[in-house]
PDB file of N, CA and C in Angstrom:
ATOM      1  N   MET A   1      24.150  57.956-234.439  1.00  0.00           N
ATOM      2  CA  MET A   1      25.420  57.452-233.983  1.00  0.00           C
ATOM      3  C   MET A   1      25.868  58.179-232.714  1.00  0.00           C
ATOM      4  N   ARG A   2      25.627  59.482-232.666  1.00  0.00           N
ATOM      5  CA  ARG A   2      26.007  60.239-231.471  1.00  0.00           C
ATOM      6  C   ARG A   2      25.231  59.775-230.250  1.00  0.00           C
ATOM      7  N   LYS A   3      23.929  59.478-230.448  1.00  0.00           N
ATOM      8  CA  LYS A   3      23.119  59.005-229.331  1.00  0.00           C
ATOM      9  C   LYS A   3      23.661  57.694-228.788  1.00  0.00           C
ATOM     10  N   LEU A   4      24.065  56.802-229.676  1.00  0.00           N
ATOM     11  CA  LEU A   4      24.624  55.521-229.255  1.00  0.00           C
ATOM     12  C   LEU A   4      25.908  55.731-228.472  1.00  0.00           C
ATOM     13  N   ALA A   5      26.764  56.605-228.952  1.00  0.00           N
ATOM     14  CA  ALA A   5      28.022  56.883-228.256  1.00  0.00           C
ATOM     15  C   ALA A   5      27.758  57.511-226.899  1.00  0.00           C
ATOM     16  N   LEU A   6      26.823  58.450-226.843  1.00  0.00           N
ATOM     17  CA  LEU A   6      26.487  59.096-225.578  1.00  0.00           C
ATOM     18  C   LEU A   6      25.910  58.086-224.592  1.00  0.00           C
ATOM     19  N   THR A   7      25.037  57.213-225.066  1.00  0.00           N
ATOM     20  CA  THR A   7      24.460  56.183-224.213  1.00  0.00           C
ATOM     21  C   THR A   7      25.549  55.268-223.659  1.00  0.00           C
ATOM     22  N   ALA A   8      26.488  54.888-224.492  1.00  0.00           N
ATOM     23  CA  ALA A   8      27.582  54.018-224.050  1.00  0.00           C
ATOM     24  C   ALA A   8      28.421  54.719-222.992  1.00  0.00           C
ATOM     25  N   VAL A   9      28.724  55.985-223.210  1.00  0.00           N
ATOM     26  CA  VAL A   9      29.522  56.741-222.240  1.00  0.00           C
ATOM     27  C   VAL A   9      28.775  56.865-220.924  1.00  0.00           C
ATOM     28  N   LEU A  10      27.500  57.197-220.977  1.00  0.00           N
ATOM     29  CA  LEU A  10      26.724  57.330-219.748  1.00  0.00           C
ATOM     30  C   LEU A  10      26.638  56.003-219.013  1.00  0.00           C
ATOM     31  N   GLY A  11      26.492  54.924-219.727  1.00  0.00           N
ATOM     32  CA  GLY A  11      26.459  53.610-219.105  1.00  0.00           C
ATOM     33  C   GLY A  11      27.747  53.304-218.381  1.00  0.00           C
ATOM     34  N   VAL A  12      28.860  53.642-218.988  1.00  0.00           N
ATOM     35  CA  VAL A  12      30.161  53.415-218.365  1.00  0.00           C
ATOM     36  C   VAL A  12      30.332  54.289-217.140  1.00  0.00           C
ATOM     37  N   LEU A  13      29.811  55.506-217.200  1.00  0.00           N
ATOM     38  CA  LEU A  13      29.955  56.415-216.067  1.00  0.00           C
ATOM     39  C   LEU A  13      29.089  56.032-214.879  1.00  0.00           C
ATOM     40  N   THR A  14      27.971  55.376-215.100  1.00  0.00           N
ATOM     41  CA  THR A  14      27.092  55.041-213.982  1.00  0.00           C
ATOM     42  C   THR A  14      27.481  53.748-213.303  1.00  0.00           C
ATOM     43  N   VAL A  15      28.057  52.800-213.994  1.00  0.00           N
ATOM     44  CA  VAL A  15      28.404  51.516-213.397  1.00  0.00           C
ATOM     45  C   VAL A  15      29.491  51.637-212.328  1.00  0.00           C
ATOM     46  N   PRO A  16      30.571  52.425-212.544  1.00  0.00           N
ATOM     47  CA  PRO A  16      31.593  52.513-211.500  1.00  0.00           C
ATOM     48  C   PRO A  16      31.083  53.022-210.164  1.00  0.00           C
ATOM     49  N   ALA A  17      30.035  53.814-210.156  1.00  0.00           N
ATOM     50  CA  ALA A  17      29.492  54.290-208.890  1.00  0.00           C
ATOM     51  C   ALA A  17      28.950  53.141-208.064  1.00  0.00           C
ATOM     52  N   LEU A  18      28.585  52.071-208.714  1.00  0.00           N
ATOM     53  CA  LEU A  18      28.037  50.908-208.039  1.00  0.00           C
ATOM     54  C   LEU A  18      29.114  49.883-207.730  1.00  0.00           C
ATOM     55  N   ALA A  19      30.100  49.795-208.573  1.00  0.00           N
ATOM     56  CA  ALA A  19      31.123  48.764-208.448  1.00  0.00           C
ATOM     57  C   ALA A  19      32.070  49.047-207.285  1.00  0.00           C
ATOM     58  N   VAL A  20      32.729  48.007-206.839  1.00  0.00           N
ATOM     59  CA  VAL A  20      33.723  48.122-205.774  1.00  0.00           C
ATOM     60  C   VAL A  20      34.932  48.854-206.337  1.00  0.00           C
ATOM     61  N   THR A  21      35.401  49.852-205.623  1.00  0.00           N
ATOM     62  CA  THR A  21      36.605  50.572-206.042  1.00  0.00           C
ATOM     63  C   THR A  21      37.763  50.127-205.166  1.00  0.00           C
ATOM     64  N   PRO A  22      38.997  50.377-205.608  1.00  0.00           N
ATOM     65  CA  PRO A  22      40.157  49.916-204.842  1.00  0.00           C
ATOM     66  C   PRO A  22      40.221  50.424-203.411  1.00  0.00           C
ATOM     67  N   THR A  23      39.590  51.556-203.111  1.00  0.00           N
ATOM     68  CA  THR A  23      39.646  52.097-201.755  1.00  0.00           C
ATOM     69  C   THR A  23      38.625  51.453-200.829  1.00  0.00           C
ATOM     70  N   MET A  24      37.698  50.693-201.383  1.00  0.00           N
ATOM     71  CA  MET A  24      36.687  50.030-200.575  1.00  0.00           C
ATOM     72  C   MET A  24      37.020  48.543-200.495  1.00  0.00           C
ATOM     73  N   ALA A  25      36.748  47.960-199.352  1.00  0.00           N
ATOM     74  CA  ALA A  25      37.015  46.532-199.172  1.00  0.00           C
ATOM     75  C   ALA A  25      35.948  45.707-199.876  1.00  0.00           C
ATOM     76  N   SER A  26      36.383  44.693-200.569  1.00  0.00           N
ATOM     77  CA  SER A  26      35.449  43.768-201.208  1.00  0.00           C
ATOM     78  C   SER A  26      34.722  42.970-200.143  1.00  0.00           C
ATOM     79  N   PRO A  27      33.528  42.474-200.455  1.00  0.00           N
ATOM     80  CA  PRO A  27      32.828  41.616-199.498  1.00  0.00           C
ATOM     81  C   PRO A  27      33.681  40.397-199.161  1.00  0.00           C
ATOM     82  N   THR A  28      33.488  39.872-197.989  1.00  0.00           N
ATOM     83  CA  THR A  28      34.264  38.707-197.548  1.00  0.00           C
ATOM     84  C   THR A  28      33.593  37.408-197.992  1.00  0.00           C
ATOM     85  N   ALA A  29      34.348  36.331-197.922  1.00  0.00           N
ATOM     86  CA  ALA A  29      33.796  35.009-198.227  1.00  0.00           C
ATOM     87  C   ALA A  29      32.682  34.665-197.241  1.00  0.00           C
ATOM     88  N   GLU A  30      32.830  35.092-196.003  1.00  0.00           N
ATOM     89  CA  GLU A  30      31.801  34.837-194.992  1.00  0.00           C
ATOM     90  C   GLU A  30      30.504  35.581-195.343  1.00  0.00           C
ATOM     91  N   GLN A  31      30.636  36.815-195.817  1.00  0.00           N
ATOM     92  CA  GLN A  31      29.459  37.567-196.228  1.00  0.00           C
ATOM     93  C   GLN A  31      28.784  36.904-197.423  1.00  0.00           C
ATOM     94  N   LYS A  32      29.586  36.432-198.363  1.00  0.00           N
ATOM     95  CA  LYS A  32      29.020  35.756-199.529  1.00  0.00           C
ATOM     96  C   LYS A  32      28.240  34.516-199.091  1.00  0.00           C
ATOM     97  N   ALA A  33      28.809  33.753-198.163  1.00  0.00           N
ATOM     98  CA  ALA A  33      28.132  32.550-197.657  1.00  0.00           C
ATOM     99  C   ALA A  33      26.836  32.920-196.936  1.00  0.00           C
ATOM    100  N   GLU A  34      26.872  34.001-196.143  1.00  0.00           N
ATOM    101  CA  GLU A  34      25.655  34.423-195.446  1.00  0.00           C
ATOM    102  C   GLU A  34      24.608  34.910-196.444  1.00  0.00           C
ATOM    103  N   PHE A  35      25.034  35.681-197.439  1.00  0.00           N
ATOM    104  CA  PHE A  35      24.125  36.149-198.477  1.00  0.00           C
ATOM    105  C   PHE A  35      23.436  34.953-199.129  1.00  0.00           C
ATOM    106  N   TYR A  36      24.221  33.970-199.526  1.00  0.00           N
ATOM    107  CA  TYR A  36      23.684  32.779-200.181  1.00  0.00           C
ATOM    108  C   TYR A  36      22.681  32.061-199.272  1.00  0.00           C
ATOM    109  N   ALA A  37      23.032  31.888-198.002  1.00  0.00           N
ATOM    110  CA  ALA A  37      22.160  31.187-197.059  1.00  0.00           C
ATOM    111  C   ALA A  37      20.837  31.931-196.865  1.00  0.00           C
ATOM    112  N   VAL A  38      20.903  33.235-196.722  1.00  0.00           N
ATOM    113  CA  VAL A  38      19.679  34.022-196.547  1.00  0.00           C
ATOM    114  C   VAL A  38      18.840  33.961-197.820  1.00  0.00           C
ATOM    115  N   CYS A  39      19.473  34.092-198.963  1.00  0.00           N
ATOM    116  CA  CYS A  39      18.767  34.013-200.242  1.00  0.00           C
ATOM    117  C   CYS A  39      18.066  32.664-200.386  1.00  0.00           C
ATOM    118  N   MET A  40      18.763  31.585-200.072  1.00  0.00           N
ATOM    119  CA  MET A  40      18.165  30.248-200.176  1.00  0.00           C
ATOM    120  C   MET A  40      16.989  30.101-199.217  1.00  0.00           C
ATOM    121  N   GLY A  41      17.090  30.719-198.054  1.00  0.00           N
ATOM    122  CA  GLY A  41      15.983  30.685-197.104  1.00  0.00           C
ATOM    123  C   GLY A  41      14.751  31.406-197.623  1.00  0.00           C
ATOM    124  N   ILE A  42      14.970  32.383-198.486  1.00  0.00           N
ATOM    125  CA  ILE A  42      13.863  33.153-199.056  1.00  0.00           C
ATOM    126  C   ILE A  42      13.309  32.474-200.307  1.00  0.00           C
ATOM    127  N   SER A  43      14.198  32.086-201.215  1.00  0.00           N
ATOM    128  CA  SER A  43      13.721  31.658-202.538  1.00  0.00           C
ATOM    129  C   SER A  43      13.888  30.174-202.860  1.00  0.00           C
ATOM    130  N   GLN A  44      14.772  29.489-202.171  1.00  0.00           N
ATOM    131  CA  GLN A  44      15.083  28.088-202.472  1.00  0.00           C
ATOM    132  C   GLN A  44      15.481  27.891-203.940  1.00  0.00           C
ATOM    133  N   ASP A  45      16.032  28.930-204.575  1.00  0.00           N
ATOM    134  CA  ASP A  45      16.459  28.870-205.968  1.00  0.00           C
ATOM    135  C   ASP A  45      17.982  28.923-206.018  1.00  0.00           C
ATOM    136  N   GLN A  46      18.586  27.749-206.090  1.00  0.00           N
ATOM    137  CA  GLN A  46      20.046  27.644-206.026  1.00  0.00           C
ATOM    138  C   GLN A  46      20.731  28.427-207.145  1.00  0.00           C
ATOM    139  N   THR A  47      20.196  28.347-208.354  1.00  0.00           N
ATOM    140  CA  THR A  47      20.798  29.053-209.484  1.00  0.00           C
ATOM    141  C   THR A  47      20.764  30.557-209.267  1.00  0.00           C
ATOM    142  N   LEU A  48      19.607  31.071-208.871  1.00  0.00           N
ATOM    143  CA  LEU A  48      19.472  32.501-208.631  1.00  0.00           C
ATOM    144  C   LEU A  48      20.362  32.954-207.484  1.00  0.00           C
ATOM    145  N   CYS A  49      20.343  32.234-206.381  1.00  0.00           N
ATOM    146  CA  CYS A  49      21.127  32.644-205.212  1.00  0.00           C
ATOM    147  C   CYS A  49      22.628  32.585-205.483  1.00  0.00           C
ATOM    148  N   SER A  50      23.075  31.600-206.234  1.00  0.00           N
ATOM    149  CA  SER A  50      24.495  31.524-206.601  1.00  0.00           C
ATOM    150  C   SER A  50      24.884  32.711-207.466  1.00  0.00           C
ATOM    151  N   CYS A  51      24.039  33.018-208.445  1.00  0.00           N
ATOM    152  CA  CYS A  51      24.318  34.142-209.334  1.00  0.00           C
ATOM    153  C   CYS A  51      24.326  35.456-208.563  1.00  0.00           C
ATOM    154  N   LYS A  52      23.322  35.664-207.730  1.00  0.00           N
ATOM    155  CA  LYS A  52      23.229  36.912-206.967  1.00  0.00           C
ATOM    156  C   LYS A  52      24.409  37.065-205.996  1.00  0.00           C
ATOM    157  N   ALA A  53      24.805  35.968-205.354  1.00  0.00           N
ATOM    158  CA  ALA A  53      25.949  36.024-204.434  1.00  0.00           C
ATOM    159  C   ALA A  53      27.225  36.364-205.196  1.00  0.00           C
ATOM    160  N   ASP A  54      27.417  35.749-206.357  1.00  0.00           N
ATOM    161  CA  ASP A  54      28.592  36.058-207.178  1.00  0.00           C
ATOM    162  C   ASP A  54      28.559  37.508-207.651  1.00  0.00           C
ATOM    163  N   ALA A  55      27.399  37.967-208.098  1.00  0.00           N
ATOM    164  CA  ALA A  55      27.271  39.347-208.582  1.00  0.00           C
ATOM    165  C   ALA A  55      27.547  40.355-207.469  1.00  0.00           C
ATOM    166  N   ALA A  56      27.057  40.072-206.287  1.00  0.00           N
ATOM    167  CA  ALA A  56      27.266  40.989-205.163  1.00  0.00           C
ATOM    168  C   ALA A  56      28.748  41.200-204.879  1.00  0.00           C
ATOM    169  N   MET A  57      29.542  40.182-205.119  1.00  0.00           N
ATOM    170  CA  MET A  57      30.982  40.285-204.843  1.00  0.00           C
ATOM    171  C   MET A  57      31.662  41.326-205.723  1.00  0.00           C
ATOM    172  N   THR A  58      31.102  41.615-206.885  1.00  0.00           N
ATOM    173  CA  THR A  58      31.710  42.604-207.775  1.00  0.00           C
ATOM    174  C   THR A  58      30.935  43.913-207.831  1.00  0.00           C
ATOM    175  N   LEU A  59      29.679  43.895-207.436  1.00  0.00           N
ATOM    176  CA  LEU A  59      28.851  45.092-207.550  1.00  0.00           C
ATOM    177  C   LEU A  59      28.897  45.985-206.315  1.00  0.00           C
ATOM    178  N   ILE A  60      29.147  45.413-205.138  1.00  0.00           N
ATOM    179  CA  ILE A  60      29.090  46.197-203.906  1.00  0.00           C
ATOM    180  C   ILE A  60      30.306  45.924-203.037  1.00  0.00           C
ATOM    181  N   ASP A  61      30.501  46.765-202.037  1.00  0.00           N
ATOM    182  CA  ASP A  61      31.636  46.610-201.129  1.00  0.00           C
ATOM    183  C   ASP A  61      31.204  45.903-199.841  1.00  0.00           C
ATOM    184  N   GLU A  62      32.161  45.711-198.971  1.00  0.00           N
ATOM    185  CA  GLU A  62      31.923  44.973-197.724  1.00  0.00           C
ATOM    186  C   GLU A  62      30.843  45.627-196.863  1.00  0.00           C
ATOM    187  N   ARG A  63      30.911  46.951-196.684  1.00  0.00           N
ATOM    188  CA  ARG A  63      29.916  47.634-195.867  1.00  0.00           C
ATOM    189  C   ARG A  63      28.526  47.472-196.474  1.00  0.00           C
ATOM    190  N   PHE A  64      28.440  47.646-197.787  1.00  0.00           N
ATOM    191  CA  PHE A  64      27.130  47.597-198.415  1.00  0.00           C
ATOM    192  C   PHE A  64      26.580  46.174-198.469  1.00  0.00           C
ATOM    193  N   MET A  65      27.454  45.187-198.472  1.00  0.00           N
ATOM    194  CA  MET A  65      26.980  43.794-198.415  1.00  0.00           C
ATOM    195  C   MET A  65      26.180  43.591-197.130  1.00  0.00           C
ATOM    196  N   ASN A  66      26.629  44.205-196.038  1.00  0.00           N
ATOM    197  CA  ASN A  66      25.871  44.111-194.785  1.00  0.00           C
ATOM    198  C   ASN A  66      24.495  44.763-194.921  1.00  0.00           C
ATOM    199  N   VAL A  67      24.426  45.886-195.606  1.00  0.00           N
ATOM    200  CA  VAL A  67      23.147  46.557-195.842  1.00  0.00           C
ATOM    201  C   VAL A  67      22.208  45.628-196.604  1.00  0.00           C
ATOM    202  N   VAL A  68      22.729  44.989-197.640  1.00  0.00           N
ATOM    203  CA  VAL A  68      21.916  44.092-198.466  1.00  0.00           C
ATOM    204  C   VAL A  68      21.435  42.890-197.651  1.00  0.00           C
ATOM    205  N   ILE A  69      22.331  42.286-196.881  1.00  0.00           N
ATOM    206  CA  ILE A  69      21.959  41.111-196.083  1.00  0.00           C
ATOM    207  C   ILE A  69      20.884  41.477-195.052  1.00  0.00           C
ATOM    208  N   VAL A  70      21.066  42.591-194.367  1.00  0.00           N
ATOM    209  CA  VAL A  70      20.065  43.033-193.393  1.00  0.00           C
ATOM    210  C   VAL A  70      18.722  43.260-194.081  1.00  0.00           C
ATOM    211  N   SER A  71      18.745  43.847-195.265  1.00  0.00           N
ATOM    212  CA  SER A  71      17.508  44.086-196.017  1.00  0.00           C
ATOM    213  C   SER A  71      16.850  42.775-196.420  1.00  0.00           C
ATOM    214  N   MET A  72      17.651  41.788-196.815  1.00  0.00           N
ATOM    215  CA  MET A  72      17.110  40.486-197.189  1.00  0.00           C
ATOM    216  C   MET A  72      16.448  39.809-195.989  1.00  0.00           C
ATOM    217  N   LYS A  73      16.933  40.123-194.807  1.00  0.00           N
ATOM    218  CA  LYS A  73      16.383  39.539-193.579  1.00  0.00           C
ATOM    219  C   LYS A  73      15.162  40.305-193.080  1.00  0.00           C
ATOM    220  N   GLY A  74      14.749  41.339-193.812  1.00  0.00           N
ATOM    221  CA  GLY A  74      13.548  42.078-193.433  1.00  0.00           C
ATOM    222  C   GLY A  74      13.796  43.484-192.943  1.00  0.00           C
ATOM    223  N   GLY A  75      15.060  43.877-192.818  1.00  0.00           N
ATOM    224  CA  GLY A  75      15.372  45.244-192.401  1.00  0.00           C
ATOM    225  C   GLY A  75      15.224  46.208-193.562  1.00  0.00           C
ATOM    226  N   SER A  76      15.471  47.459-193.294  1.00  0.00           N
ATOM    227  CA  SER A  76      15.403  48.489-194.329  1.00  0.00           C
ATOM    228  C   SER A  76      16.725  49.232-194.386  1.00  0.00           C
ATOM    229  N   PRO A  77      17.158  49.560-195.589  1.00  0.00           N
ATOM    230  CA  PRO A  77      18.378  50.379-195.685  1.00  0.00           C
ATOM    231  C   PRO A  77      18.135  51.764-195.091  1.00  0.00           C
ATOM    232  N   ALA A  78      19.188  52.402-194.638  1.00  0.00           N
ATOM    233  CA  ALA A  78      19.086  53.797-194.198  1.00  0.00           C
ATOM    234  C   ALA A  78      18.666  54.631-195.395  1.00  0.00           C
ATOM    235  N   ALA A  79      18.020  55.742-195.141  1.00  0.00           N
ATOM    236  CA  ALA A  79      17.531  56.599-196.223  1.00  0.00           C
ATOM    237  C   ALA A  79      18.649  56.957-197.206  1.00  0.00           C
ATOM    238  N   ALA A  80      19.829  57.216-196.694  1.00  0.00           N
ATOM    239  CA  ALA A  80      20.950  57.585-197.567  1.00  0.00           C
ATOM    240  C   ALA A  80      21.401  56.418-198.453  1.00  0.00           C
ATOM    241  N   ASP A  81      21.083  55.190-198.050  1.00  0.00           N
ATOM    242  CA  ASP A  81      21.489  54.008-198.821  1.00  0.00           C
ATOM    243  C   ASP A  81      20.459  53.572-199.855  1.00  0.00           C
ATOM    244  N   TYR A  82      19.249  54.127-199.829  1.00  0.00           N
ATOM    245  CA  TYR A  82      18.202  53.682-200.761  1.00  0.00           C
ATOM    246  C   TYR A  82      18.592  53.781-202.230  1.00  0.00           C
ATOM    247  N   PRO A  83      19.142  54.913-202.693  1.00  0.00           N
ATOM    248  CA  PRO A  83      19.491  54.975-204.123  1.00  0.00           C
ATOM    249  C   PRO A  83      20.500  53.897-204.530  1.00  0.00           C
ATOM    250  N   ARG A  84      21.500  53.704-203.710  1.00  0.00           N
ATOM    251  CA  ARG A  84      22.513  52.689-204.026  1.00  0.00           C
ATOM    252  C   ARG A  84      21.911  51.285-203.923  1.00  0.00           C
ATOM    253  N   TYR A  85      21.050  51.061-202.947  1.00  0.00           N
ATOM    254  CA  TYR A  85      20.403  49.761-202.794  1.00  0.00           C
ATOM    255  C   TYR A  85      19.545  49.446-204.021  1.00  0.00           C
ATOM    256  N   ASN A  86      18.748  50.420-204.445  1.00  0.00           N
ATOM    257  CA  ASN A  86      17.908  50.215-205.620  1.00  0.00           C
ATOM    258  C   ASN A  86      18.751  49.969-206.866  1.00  0.00           C
ATOM    259  N   ALA A  87      19.861  50.691-206.993  1.00  0.00           N
ATOM    260  CA  ALA A  87      20.759  50.488-208.137  1.00  0.00           C
ATOM    261  C   ALA A  87      21.370  49.088-208.093  1.00  0.00           C
ATOM    262  N   TYR A  88      21.761  48.635-206.896  1.00  0.00           N
ATOM    263  CA  TYR A  88      22.317  47.284-206.756  1.00  0.00           C
ATOM    264  C   TYR A  88      21.278  46.224-207.158  1.00  0.00           C
ATOM    265  N   VAL A  89      20.053  46.359-206.673  1.00  0.00           N
ATOM    266  CA  VAL A  89      19.010  45.384-206.996  1.00  0.00           C
ATOM    267  C   VAL A  89      18.780  45.344-208.506  1.00  0.00           C
ATOM    268  N   ALA A  90      18.694  46.511-209.118  1.00  0.00           N
ATOM    269  CA  ALA A  90      18.471  46.564-210.567  1.00  0.00           C
ATOM    270  C   ALA A  90      19.627  45.916-211.325  1.00  0.00           C
ATOM    271  N   GLN A  91      20.853  46.223-210.932  1.00  0.00           N
ATOM    272  CA  GLN A  91      22.022  45.667-211.631  1.00  0.00           C
ATOM    273  C   GLN A  91      22.122  44.160-211.414  1.00  0.00           C
ATOM    274  N   SER A  92      21.895  43.685-210.208  1.00  0.00           N
ATOM    275  CA  SER A  92      21.992  42.243-209.968  1.00  0.00           C
ATOM    276  C   SER A  92      20.871  41.495-210.687  1.00  0.00           C
ATOM    277  N   ASN A  93      19.700  42.113-210.799  1.00  0.00           N
ATOM    278  CA  ASN A  93      18.615  41.510-211.571  1.00  0.00           C
ATOM    279  C   ASN A  93      18.976  41.460-213.051  1.00  0.00           C
ATOM    280  N   ARG A  94      19.620  42.505-213.562  1.00  0.00           N
ATOM    281  CA  ARG A  94      20.050  42.508-214.964  1.00  0.00           C
ATOM    282  C   ARG A  94      21.011  41.362-215.234  1.00  0.00           C
ATOM    283  N   VAL A  95      21.875  41.099-214.285  1.00  0.00           N
ATOM    284  CA  VAL A  95      22.869  40.039-214.442  1.00  0.00           C
ATOM    285  C   VAL A  95      22.231  38.652-214.271  1.00  0.00           C
ATOM    286  N   CYS A  96      21.406  38.496-213.251  1.00  0.00           N
ATOM    287  CA  CYS A  96      20.934  37.172-212.862  1.00  0.00           C
ATOM    288  C   CYS A  96      19.523  36.828-213.346  1.00  0.00           C
ATOM    289  N   LYS A  97      18.754  37.817-213.735  1.00  0.00           N
ATOM    290  CA  LYS A  97      17.380  37.591-214.208  1.00  0.00           C
ATOM    291  C   LYS A  97      17.165  38.434-215.462  1.00  0.00           C
ATOM    292  N   PRO A  98      17.894  38.132-216.542  1.00  0.00           N
ATOM    293  CA  PRO A  98      17.902  39.006-217.701  1.00  0.00           C
ATOM    294  C   PRO A  98      16.531  39.297-218.313  1.00  0.00           C
ATOM    295  N   ASN A  99      15.574  38.431-218.166  1.00  0.00           N
ATOM    296  CA  ASN A  99      14.240  38.667-218.730  1.00  0.00           C
ATOM    297  C   ASN A  99      13.262  39.204-217.700  1.00  0.00           C
ATOM    298  N   TYR A 100      13.761  39.618-216.554  1.00  0.00           N
ATOM    299  CA  TYR A 100      12.931  40.088-215.444  1.00  0.00           C
ATOM    300  C   TYR A 100      12.319  41.419-215.753  1.00  0.00           C
TER     301      TYR A 100
END
């Protein structure tokens, strides 16, 4: 029982580091539209791209949305952004590709 409680607490503590906080600006509608368009250009999977675009709106902030979009277009995140980028990809996959 203690392990379950500890796991739940740790899960709660790690998610806020990824989520948008009140001091950070949420992604814009324009960024969401660009994310969706780039995703569709890559995968042509409307369901996946809609889910990922919606998830990005709650998982990352405006600045980081630009990092993600640039990465989707073939760029690379800055070294300091890699841990957060990998965490975002894992979380969005958990939401949008549960059996992945």
